[in-house]
PDB file of N, CA and C in Angstrom:
ATOM      1  N   UNK A   1      69.623 -37.524 -75.355  1.00  0.00           N
ATOM      2  CA  UNK A   1      69.617 -36.312 -74.580  1.00  0.00           C
ATOM      3  C   UNK A   1      69.096 -35.129 -75.397  1.00  0.00           C
ATOM      4  N   UNK A   2      69.481 -35.077 -76.667  1.00  0.00           N
ATOM      5  CA  UNK A   2      69.028 -33.968 -77.512  1.00  0.00           C
ATOM      6  C   UNK A   2      67.515 -33.982 -77.703  1.00  0.00           C
ATOM      7  N   UNK A   3      66.959 -35.184 -77.851  1.00  0.00           N
ATOM      8  CA  UNK A   3      65.514 -35.289 -78.055  1.00  0.00           C
ATOM      9  C   UNK A   3      64.770 -34.830 -76.809  1.00  0.00           C
ATOM     10  N   UNK A   4      65.249 -35.214 -75.654  1.00  0.00           N
ATOM     11  CA  UNK A   4      64.597 -34.808 -74.398  1.00  0.00           C
ATOM     12  C   UNK A   4      64.693 -33.301 -74.220  1.00  0.00           C
ATOM     13  N   UNK A   5      65.841 -32.718 -74.536  1.00  0.00           N
ATOM     14  CA  UNK A   5      65.999 -31.266 -74.427  1.00  0.00           C
ATOM     15  C   UNK A   5      65.053 -30.548 -75.392  1.00  0.00           C
ATOM     16  N   UNK A   6      64.934 -31.058 -76.595  1.00  0.00           N
ATOM     17  CA  UNK A   6      64.035 -30.449 -77.580  1.00  0.00           C
ATOM     18  C   UNK A   6      62.581 -30.550 -77.131  1.00  0.00           C
ATOM     19  N   UNK A   7      62.196 -31.689 -76.585  1.00  0.00           N
ATOM     20  CA  UNK A   7      60.817 -31.842 -76.107  1.00  0.00           C
ATOM     21  C   UNK A   7      60.530 -30.932 -74.926  1.00  0.00           C
ATOM     22  N   UNK A   8      61.503 -30.778 -74.030  1.00  0.00           N
ATOM     23  CA  UNK A   8      61.325 -29.871 -72.889  1.00  0.00           C
ATOM     24  C   UNK A   8      61.165 -28.430 -73.386  1.00  0.00           C
ATOM     25  N   UNK A   9      61.990 -28.036 -74.331  1.00  0.00           N
ATOM     26  CA  UNK A   9      61.870 -26.689 -74.896  1.00  0.00           C
ATOM     27  C   UNK A   9      60.531 -26.508 -75.590  1.00  0.00           C
ATOM     28  N   UNK A  10      60.069 -27.542 -76.288  1.00  0.00           N
ATOM     29  CA  UNK A  10      58.791 -27.459 -76.994  1.00  0.00           C
ATOM     30  C   UNK A  10      57.631 -27.282 -76.023  1.00  0.00           C
ATOM     31  N   UNK A  11      57.619 -28.090 -74.977  1.00  0.00           N
ATOM     32  CA  UNK A  11      56.523 -28.021 -74.007  1.00  0.00           C
ATOM     33  C   UNK A  11      56.490 -26.668 -73.330  1.00  0.00           C
ATOM     34  N   UNK A  12      57.641 -26.185 -72.879  1.00  0.00           N
ATOM     35  CA  UNK A  12      57.669 -24.903 -72.181  1.00  0.00           C
ATOM     36  C   UNK A  12      57.395 -23.738 -73.124  1.00  0.00           C
ATOM     37  N   UNK A  13      57.822 -23.861 -74.352  1.00  0.00           N
ATOM     38  CA  UNK A  13      57.550 -22.804 -75.325  1.00  0.00           C
ATOM     39  C   UNK A  13      56.051 -22.662 -75.567  1.00  0.00           C
ATOM     40  N   UNK A  14      55.389 -23.767 -75.838  1.00  0.00           N
ATOM     41  CA  UNK A  14      53.945 -23.729 -76.079  1.00  0.00           C
ATOM     42  C   UNK A  14      53.205 -23.268 -74.827  1.00  0.00           C
ATOM     43  N   UNK A  15      53.671 -23.712 -73.665  1.00  0.00           N
ATOM     44  CA  UNK A  15      53.046 -23.271 -72.417  1.00  0.00           C
ATOM     45  C   UNK A  15      53.155 -21.756 -72.248  1.00  0.00           C
ATOM     46  N   UNK A  16      54.345 -21.202 -72.492  1.00  0.00           N
ATOM     47  CA  UNK A  16      54.535 -19.761 -72.317  1.00  0.00           C
ATOM     48  C   UNK A  16      53.718 -18.961 -73.330  1.00  0.00           C
ATOM     49  N   UNK A  17      53.634 -19.452 -74.566  1.00  0.00           N
ATOM     50  CA  UNK A  17      52.797 -18.767 -75.542  1.00  0.00           C
ATOM     51  C   UNK A  17      51.329 -18.817 -75.137  1.00  0.00           C
ATOM     52  N   UNK A  18      50.848 -19.958 -74.696  1.00  0.00           N
ATOM     53  CA  UNK A  18      49.447 -20.077 -74.258  1.00  0.00           C
ATOM     54  C   UNK A  18      49.184 -19.208 -73.033  1.00  0.00           C
ATOM     55  N   UNK A  19      50.139 -19.163 -72.127  1.00  0.00           N
ATOM     56  CA  UNK A  19      50.015 -18.306 -70.940  1.00  0.00           C
ATOM     57  C   UNK A  19      49.893 -16.844 -71.367  1.00  0.00           C
ATOM     58  N   UNK A  20      50.710 -16.438 -72.321  1.00  0.00           N
ATOM     59  CA  UNK A  20      50.675 -15.050 -72.789  1.00  0.00           C
ATOM     60  C   UNK A  20      49.356 -14.710 -73.468  1.00  0.00           C
ATOM     61  N   UNK A  21      48.799 -15.647 -74.192  1.00  0.00           N
ATOM     62  CA  UNK A  21      47.576 -15.373 -74.946  1.00  0.00           C
ATOM     63  C   UNK A  21      46.335 -15.437 -74.062  1.00  0.00           C
ATOM     64  N   UNK A  22      46.239 -16.459 -73.222  1.00  0.00           N
ATOM     65  CA  UNK A  22      44.979 -16.705 -72.527  1.00  0.00           C
ATOM     66  C   UNK A  22      44.915 -16.220 -71.080  1.00  0.00           C
ATOM     67  N   UNK A  23      46.041 -16.090 -70.403  1.00  0.00           N
ATOM     68  CA  UNK A  23      45.968 -15.836 -68.970  1.00  0.00           C
ATOM     69  C   UNK A  23      46.556 -14.512 -68.514  1.00  0.00           C
ATOM     70  N   UNK A  24      47.436 -13.910 -69.271  1.00  0.00           N
ATOM     71  CA  UNK A  24      48.054 -12.644 -68.855  1.00  0.00           C
ATOM     72  C   UNK A  24      47.322 -11.505 -69.539  1.00  0.00           C
ATOM     73  N   UNK A  25      46.774 -10.607 -68.738  1.00  0.00           N
ATOM     74  CA  UNK A  25      46.002  -9.489 -69.280  1.00  0.00           C
ATOM     75  C   UNK A  25      46.883  -8.302 -69.658  1.00  0.00           C
ATOM     76  N   UNK A  26      47.949  -8.054 -68.905  1.00  0.00           N
ATOM     77  CA  UNK A  26      48.840  -6.929 -69.178  1.00  0.00           C
ATOM     78  C   UNK A  26      49.626  -7.197 -70.463  1.00  0.00           C
ATOM     79  N   UNK A  27      49.529  -6.267 -71.407  1.00  0.00           N
ATOM     80  CA  UNK A  27      50.142  -6.481 -72.719  1.00  0.00           C
ATOM     81  C   UNK A  27      51.665  -6.618 -72.644  1.00  0.00           C
ATOM     82  N   UNK A  28      52.315  -5.800 -71.833  1.00  0.00           N
ATOM     83  CA  UNK A  28      53.775  -5.865 -71.740  1.00  0.00           C
ATOM     84  C   UNK A  28      54.247  -7.183 -71.125  1.00  0.00           C
ATOM     85  N   UNK A  29      53.555  -7.653 -70.100  1.00  0.00           N
ATOM     86  CA  UNK A  29      53.907  -8.942 -69.501  1.00  0.00           C
ATOM     87  C   UNK A  29      53.654 -10.087 -70.476  1.00  0.00           C
ATOM     88  N   UNK A  30      52.586  -9.982 -71.256  1.00  0.00           N
ATOM     89  CA  UNK A  30      52.284 -11.019 -72.246  1.00  0.00           C
ATOM     90  C   UNK A  30      53.364 -11.072 -73.325  1.00  0.00           C
ATOM     91  N   UNK A  31      53.829  -9.907 -73.758  1.00  0.00           N
ATOM     92  CA  UNK A  31      54.882  -9.864 -74.776  1.00  0.00           C
ATOM     93  C   UNK A  31      56.184 -10.425 -74.213  1.00  0.00           C
ATOM     94  N   UNK A  32      56.498 -10.117 -72.961  1.00  0.00           N
ATOM     95  CA  UNK A  32      57.713 -10.661 -72.340  1.00  0.00           C
ATOM     96  C   UNK A  32      57.626 -12.177 -72.219  1.00  0.00           C
ATOM     97  N   UNK A  33      56.470 -12.681 -71.827  1.00  0.00           N
ATOM     98  CA  UNK A  33      56.273 -14.132 -71.724  1.00  0.00           C
ATOM     99  C   UNK A  33      56.390 -14.782 -73.103  1.00  0.00           C
ATOM    100  N   UNK A  34      55.838 -14.138 -74.118  1.00  0.00           N
ATOM    101  CA  UNK A  34      55.951 -14.656 -75.480  1.00  0.00           C
ATOM    102  C   UNK A  34      57.395 -14.615 -75.963  1.00  0.00           C
ATOM    103  N   UNK A  35      58.150 -13.623 -75.519  1.00  0.00           N
ATOM    104  CA  UNK A  35      59.566 -13.547 -75.884  1.00  0.00           C
ATOM    105  C   UNK A  35      60.358 -14.718 -75.335  1.00  0.00           C
ATOM    106  N   UNK A  36      60.084 -15.083 -74.082  1.00  0.00           N
ATOM    107  CA  UNK A  36      60.745 -16.263 -73.504  1.00  0.00           C
ATOM    108  C   UNK A  36      60.291 -17.539 -74.215  1.00  0.00           C
ATOM    109  N   UNK A  37      59.011 -17.585 -74.582  1.00  0.00           N
ATOM    110  CA  UNK A  37      58.523 -18.726 -75.352  1.00  0.00           C
ATOM    111  C   UNK A  37      59.197 -18.813 -76.709  1.00  0.00           C
ATOM    112  N   UNK A  38      59.434 -17.659 -77.330  1.00  0.00           N
ATOM    113  CA  UNK A  38      60.126 -17.636 -78.627  1.00  0.00           C
ATOM    114  C   UNK A  38      61.574 -18.096 -78.477  1.00  0.00           C
ATOM    115  N   UNK A  39      62.211 -17.714 -77.373  1.00  0.00           N
ATOM    116  CA  UNK A  39      63.590 -18.148 -77.137  1.00  0.00           C
ATOM    117  C   UNK A  39      63.653 -19.669 -77.025  1.00  0.00           C
ATOM    118  N   UNK A  40      62.759 -20.246 -76.241  1.00  0.00           N
ATOM    119  CA  UNK A  40      62.736 -21.703 -76.107  1.00  0.00           C
ATOM    120  C   UNK A  40      62.334 -22.384 -77.411  1.00  0.00           C
ATOM    121  N   UNK A  41      61.399 -21.772 -78.141  1.00  0.00           N
ATOM    122  CA  UNK A  41      61.000 -22.330 -79.418  1.00  0.00           C
ATOM    123  C   UNK A  41      62.136 -22.318 -80.425  1.00  0.00           C
ATOM    124  N   UNK A  42      62.937 -21.278 -80.397  1.00  0.00           N
ATOM    125  CA  UNK A  42      64.081 -21.202 -81.307  1.00  0.00           C
ATOM    126  C   UNK A  42      65.166 -22.184 -80.904  1.00  0.00           C
ATOM    127  N   UNK A  43      65.335 -22.403 -79.612  1.00  0.00           N
ATOM    128  CA  UNK A  43      66.353 -23.346 -79.151  1.00  0.00           C
ATOM    129  C   UNK A  43      66.001 -24.791 -79.512  1.00  0.00           C
ATOM    130  N   UNK A  44      64.720 -25.053 -79.736  1.00  0.00           N
ATOM    131  CA  UNK A  44      64.312 -26.398 -80.176  1.00  0.00           C
ATOM    132  C   UNK A  44      65.026 -26.791 -81.457  1.00  0.00           C
ATOM    133  N   UNK A  45      65.165 -25.833 -82.362  1.00  0.00           N
ATOM    134  CA  UNK A  45      65.800 -26.129 -83.646  1.00  0.00           C
ATOM    135  C   UNK A  45      67.263 -26.513 -83.472  1.00  0.00           C
ATOM    136  N   UNK A  46      67.907 -25.999 -82.442  1.00  0.00           N
ATOM    137  CA  UNK A  46      69.287 -26.380 -82.180  1.00  0.00           C
ATOM    138  C   UNK A  46      69.400 -27.793 -81.653  1.00  0.00           C
ATOM    139  N   UNK A  47      68.389 -28.244 -80.935  1.00  0.00           N
ATOM    140  CA  UNK A  47      68.404 -29.606 -80.390  1.00  0.00           C
ATOM    141  C   UNK A  47      67.972 -30.616 -81.441  1.00  0.00           C
ATOM    142  N   UNK A  48      66.781 -30.454 -81.940  1.00  0.00           N
ATOM    143  CA  UNK A  48      66.216 -31.346 -82.953  1.00  0.00           C
ATOM    144  C   UNK A  48      65.320 -30.515 -83.870  1.00  0.00           C
ATOM    145  N   UNK A  49      65.734 -30.289 -85.104  1.00  0.00           N
ATOM    146  CA  UNK A  49      64.926 -29.462 -86.006  1.00  0.00           C
ATOM    147  C   UNK A  49      63.513 -29.998 -86.255  1.00  0.00           C
ATOM    148  N   UNK A  50      63.351 -31.302 -86.258  1.00  0.00           N
ATOM    149  CA  UNK A  50      62.013 -31.842 -86.514  1.00  0.00           C
ATOM    150  C   UNK A  50      61.056 -31.549 -85.369  1.00  0.00           C
ATOM    151  N   UNK A  51      61.565 -31.515 -84.150  1.00  0.00           N
ATOM    152  CA  UNK A  51      60.714 -31.165 -83.005  1.00  0.00           C
ATOM    153  C   UNK A  51      60.356 -29.685 -83.078  1.00  0.00           C
ATOM    154  N   UNK A  52      61.218 -28.908 -83.713  1.00  0.00           N
ATOM    155  CA  UNK A  52      60.962 -27.480 -83.857  1.00  0.00           C
ATOM    156  C   UNK A  52      59.712 -27.160 -84.659  1.00  0.00           C
ATOM    157  N   UNK A  53      59.207 -28.135 -85.384  1.00  0.00           N
ATOM    158  CA  UNK A  53      57.967 -27.917 -86.131  1.00  0.00           C
ATOM    159  C   UNK A  53      56.772 -27.684 -85.214  1.00  0.00           C
ATOM    160  N   UNK A  54      56.935 -27.984 -83.937  1.00  0.00           N
ATOM    161  CA  UNK A  54      55.857 -27.687 -82.987  1.00  0.00           C
ATOM    162  C   UNK A  54      55.613 -26.183 -82.875  1.00  0.00           C
ATOM    163  N   UNK A  55      56.551 -25.390 -83.374  1.00  0.00           N
ATOM    164  CA  UNK A  55      56.364 -23.938 -83.371  1.00  0.00           C
ATOM    165  C   UNK A  55      55.230 -23.499 -84.286  1.00  0.00           C
ATOM    166  N   UNK A  56      54.769 -24.385 -85.142  1.00  0.00           N
ATOM    167  CA  UNK A  56      53.618 -24.055 -85.986  1.00  0.00           C
ATOM    168  C   UNK A  56      52.354 -23.838 -85.154  1.00  0.00           C
ATOM    169  N   UNK A  57      52.346 -24.371 -83.932  1.00  0.00           N
ATOM    170  CA  UNK A  57      51.206 -24.158 -83.037  1.00  0.00           C
ATOM    171  C   UNK A  57      51.112 -22.708 -82.574  1.00  0.00           C
ATOM    172  N   UNK A  58      52.174 -21.953 -82.776  1.00  0.00           N
ATOM    173  CA  UNK A  58      52.181 -20.550 -82.370  1.00  0.00           C
ATOM    174  C   UNK A  58      51.261 -19.719 -83.258  1.00  0.00           C
ATOM    175  N   UNK A  59      51.101 -20.104 -84.507  1.00  0.00           N
ATOM    176  CA  UNK A  59      50.298 -19.310 -85.444  1.00  0.00           C
ATOM    177  C   UNK A  59      48.831 -19.184 -85.013  1.00  0.00           C
ATOM    178  N   UNK A  60      48.143 -20.266 -84.616  1.00  0.00           N
ATOM    179  CA  UNK A  60      46.774 -20.072 -84.116  1.00  0.00           C
ATOM    180  C   UNK A  60      46.732 -19.267 -82.815  1.00  0.00           C
ATOM    181  N   UNK A  61      47.773 -19.417 -81.991  1.00  0.00           N
ATOM    182  CA  UNK A  61      47.815 -18.628 -80.761  1.00  0.00           C
ATOM    183  C   UNK A  61      48.009 -17.148 -81.077  1.00  0.00           C
ATOM    184  N   UNK A  62      48.818 -16.844 -82.064  1.00  0.00           N
ATOM    185  CA  UNK A  62      49.014 -15.458 -82.479  1.00  0.00           C
ATOM    186  C   UNK A  62      47.713 -14.873 -83.017  1.00  0.00           C
ATOM    187  N   UNK A  63      47.005 -15.652 -83.791  1.00  0.00           N
ATOM    188  CA  UNK A  63      45.712 -15.203 -84.312  1.00  0.00           C
ATOM    189  C   UNK A  63      44.746 -14.899 -83.165  1.00  0.00           C
ATOM    190  N   UNK A  64      44.695 -15.771 -82.178  1.00  0.00           N
ATOM    191  CA  UNK A  64      43.823 -15.567 -81.026  1.00  0.00           C
ATOM    192  C   UNK A  64      44.239 -14.328 -80.239  1.00  0.00           C
ATOM    193  N   UNK A  65      45.550 -14.110 -80.107  1.00  0.00           N
ATOM    194  CA  UNK A  65      46.061 -12.939 -79.394  1.00  0.00           C
ATOM    195  C   UNK A  65      45.657 -11.654 -80.114  1.00  0.00           C
ATOM    196  N   UNK A  66      45.807 -11.638 -81.431  1.00  0.00           N
ATOM    197  CA  UNK A  66      45.474 -10.438 -82.194  1.00  0.00           C
ATOM    198  C   UNK A  66      43.971 -10.184 -82.244  1.00  0.00           C
ATOM    199  N   UNK A  67      43.178 -11.239 -82.144  1.00  0.00           N
ATOM    200  CA  UNK A  67      41.732 -11.093 -82.129  1.00  0.00           C
ATOM    201  C   UNK A  67      41.253 -10.389 -80.855  1.00  0.00           C
ATOM    202  N   UNK A  68      41.959 -10.630 -79.750  1.00  0.00           N
ATOM    203  CA  UNK A  68      41.570 -10.047 -78.467  1.00  0.00           C
ATOM    204  C   UNK A  68      42.038  -8.602 -78.305  1.00  0.00           C
ATOM    205  N   UNK A  69      43.051  -8.201 -79.036  1.00  0.00           N
ATOM    206  CA  UNK A  69      43.660  -6.888 -78.865  1.00  0.00           C
ATOM    207  C   UNK A  69      43.405  -6.016 -80.090  1.00  0.00           C
ATOM    208  N   UNK A  70      43.538  -4.731 -79.867  1.00  0.00           N
ATOM    209  CA  UNK A  70      43.435  -3.778 -80.967  1.00  0.00           C
ATOM    210  C   UNK A  70      44.798  -3.685 -81.645  1.00  0.00           C
ATOM    211  N   UNK A  71      44.824  -3.920 -82.942  1.00  0.00           N
ATOM    212  CA  UNK A  71      46.087  -3.929 -83.673  1.00  0.00           C
ATOM    213  C   UNK A  71      46.530  -2.488 -83.917  1.00  0.00           C
ATOM    214  N   UNK A  72      47.761  -2.205 -83.499  1.00  0.00           N
ATOM    215  CA  UNK A  72      48.350  -0.889 -83.710  1.00  0.00           C
ATOM    216  C   UNK A  72      49.811  -1.072 -84.106  1.00  0.00           C
ATOM    217  N   UNK A  73      50.419   0.008 -84.520  1.00  0.00           N
ATOM    218  CA  UNK A  73      51.835  -0.056 -84.894  1.00  0.00           C
ATOM    219  C   UNK A  73      52.693  -0.405 -83.680  1.00  0.00           C
ATOM    220  N   UNK A  74      52.294   0.082 -82.514  1.00  0.00           N
ATOM    221  CA  UNK A  74      53.033  -0.211 -81.282  1.00  0.00           C
ATOM    222  C   UNK A  74      52.961  -1.706 -80.948  1.00  0.00           C
ATOM    223  N   UNK A  75      51.791  -2.302 -81.107  1.00  0.00           N
ATOM    224  CA  UNK A  75      51.634  -3.732 -80.840  1.00  0.00           C
ATOM    225  C   UNK A  75      52.437  -4.565 -81.839  1.00  0.00           C
ATOM    226  N   UNK A  76      52.419  -4.178 -83.100  1.00  0.00           N
ATOM    227  CA  UNK A  76      53.196  -4.902 -84.116  1.00  0.00           C
ATOM    228  C   UNK A  76      54.686  -4.818 -83.778  1.00  0.00           C
ATOM    229  N   UNK A  77      55.146  -3.646 -83.333  1.00  0.00           N
ATOM    230  CA  UNK A  77      56.543  -3.501 -82.927  1.00  0.00           C
ATOM    231  C   UNK A  77      56.895  -4.406 -81.755  1.00  0.00           C
ATOM    232  N   UNK A  78      55.983  -4.507 -80.800  1.00  0.00           N
ATOM    233  CA  UNK A  78      56.210  -5.392 -79.653  1.00  0.00           C
ATOM    234  C   UNK A  78      56.245  -6.855 -80.075  1.00  0.00           C
ATOM    235  N   UNK A  79      55.389  -7.227 -81.007  1.00  0.00           N
ATOM    236  CA  UNK A  79      55.382  -8.608 -81.497  1.00  0.00           C
ATOM    237  C   UNK A  79      56.666  -8.940 -82.256  1.00  0.00           C
ATOM    238  N   UNK A  80      57.171  -7.975 -83.008  1.00  0.00           N
ATOM    239  CA  UNK A  80      58.452  -8.188 -83.694  1.00  0.00           C
ATOM    240  C   UNK A  80      59.566  -8.343 -82.681  1.00  0.00           C
ATOM    241  N   UNK A  81      59.522  -7.543 -81.625  1.00  0.00           N
ATOM    242  CA  UNK A  81      60.515  -7.659 -80.548  1.00  0.00           C
ATOM    243  C   UNK A  81      60.418  -9.022 -79.869  1.00  0.00           C
ATOM    244  N   UNK A  82      59.208  -9.523 -79.680  1.00  0.00           N
ATOM    245  CA  UNK A  82      59.028 -10.836 -79.059  1.00  0.00           C
ATOM    246  C   UNK A  82      59.523 -11.958 -79.965  1.00  0.00           C
ATOM    247  N   UNK A  83      59.454 -11.758 -81.283  1.00  0.00           N
ATOM    248  CA  UNK A  83      59.909 -12.778 -82.232  1.00  0.00           C
ATOM    249  C   UNK A  83      61.405 -12.685 -82.521  1.00  0.00           C
ATOM    250  N   UNK A  84      62.071 -11.681 -81.987  1.00  0.00           N
ATOM    251  CA  UNK A  84      63.493 -11.476 -82.240  1.00  0.00           C
ATOM    252  C   UNK A  84      64.374 -12.666 -81.851  1.00  0.00           C
ATOM    253  N   UNK A  85      64.068 -13.416 -80.775  1.00  0.00           N
ATOM    254  CA  UNK A  85      64.903 -14.589 -80.471  1.00  0.00           C
ATOM    255  C   UNK A  85      64.962 -15.612 -81.600  1.00  0.00           C
ATOM    256  N   UNK A  86      63.892 -15.735 -82.384  1.00  0.00           N
ATOM    257  CA  UNK A  86      63.944 -16.661 -83.518  1.00  0.00           C
ATOM    258  C   UNK A  86      65.040 -16.241 -84.496  1.00  0.00           C
ATOM    259  N   UNK A  87      65.129 -14.945 -84.791  1.00  0.00           N
ATOM    260  CA  UNK A  87      66.133 -14.463 -85.755  1.00  0.00           C
ATOM    261  C   UNK A  87      67.553 -14.603 -85.196  1.00  0.00           C
ATOM    262  N   UNK A  88      67.724 -14.289 -83.923  1.00  0.00           N
ATOM    263  CA  UNK A  88      69.059 -14.352 -83.318  1.00  0.00           C
ATOM    264  C   UNK A  88      69.561 -15.795 -83.258  1.00  0.00           C
ATOM    265  N   UNK A  89      68.711 -16.701 -82.791  1.00  0.00           N
ATOM    266  CA  UNK A  89      69.113 -18.117 -82.694  1.00  0.00           C
ATOM    267  C   UNK A  89      69.319 -18.697 -84.087  1.00  0.00           C
ATOM    268  N   UNK A  90      68.451 -18.336 -85.047  1.00  0.00           N
ATOM    269  CA  UNK A  90      68.619 -18.844 -86.414  1.00  0.00           C
ATOM    270  C   UNK A  90      69.954 -18.382 -87.000  1.00  0.00           C
ATOM    271  N   UNK A  91      70.306 -17.134 -86.778  1.00  0.00           N
ATOM    272  CA  UNK A  91      71.580 -16.626 -87.287  1.00  0.00           C
ATOM    273  C   UNK A  91      72.751 -17.373 -86.635  1.00  0.00           C
ATOM    274  N   UNK A  92      72.633 -17.643 -85.355  1.00  0.00           N
ATOM    275  CA  UNK A  92      73.682 -18.396 -84.669  1.00  0.00           C
ATOM    276  C   UNK A  92      73.805 -19.836 -85.152  1.00  0.00           C
ATOM    277  N   UNK A  93      72.690 -20.461 -85.455  1.00  0.00           N
ATOM    278  CA  UNK A  93      72.713 -21.840 -85.926  1.00  0.00           C
ATOM    279  C   UNK A  93      73.218 -21.961 -87.361  1.00  0.00           C
ATOM    280  N   UNK A  94      73.002 -20.910 -88.126  1.00  0.00           N
ATOM    281  CA  UNK A  94      73.466 -20.966 -89.513  1.00  0.00           C
ATOM    282  C   UNK A  94      74.958 -20.764 -89.575  1.00  0.00           C
TER     283      UNK A  94
END
């Protein structure tokens, strides 16, 4: 059951990140979608830590996202806010 839950979280996490990068034009909606993807990506580690390594796929997506947008302090703040679920879930798991 844990493996299936981790795989479901992995698939939906990658889907939400890809949706945020490639299909959503509004920056705020993209950040919100990425935040939900980060929540699911962080929950993978609670189910099966080895499946959580699929979160490495987020790095090329982040690069693609930043390539399309103008980097500003406001955007960096939004990205940190979107990555906040990783820190919260990690603190809870520790």
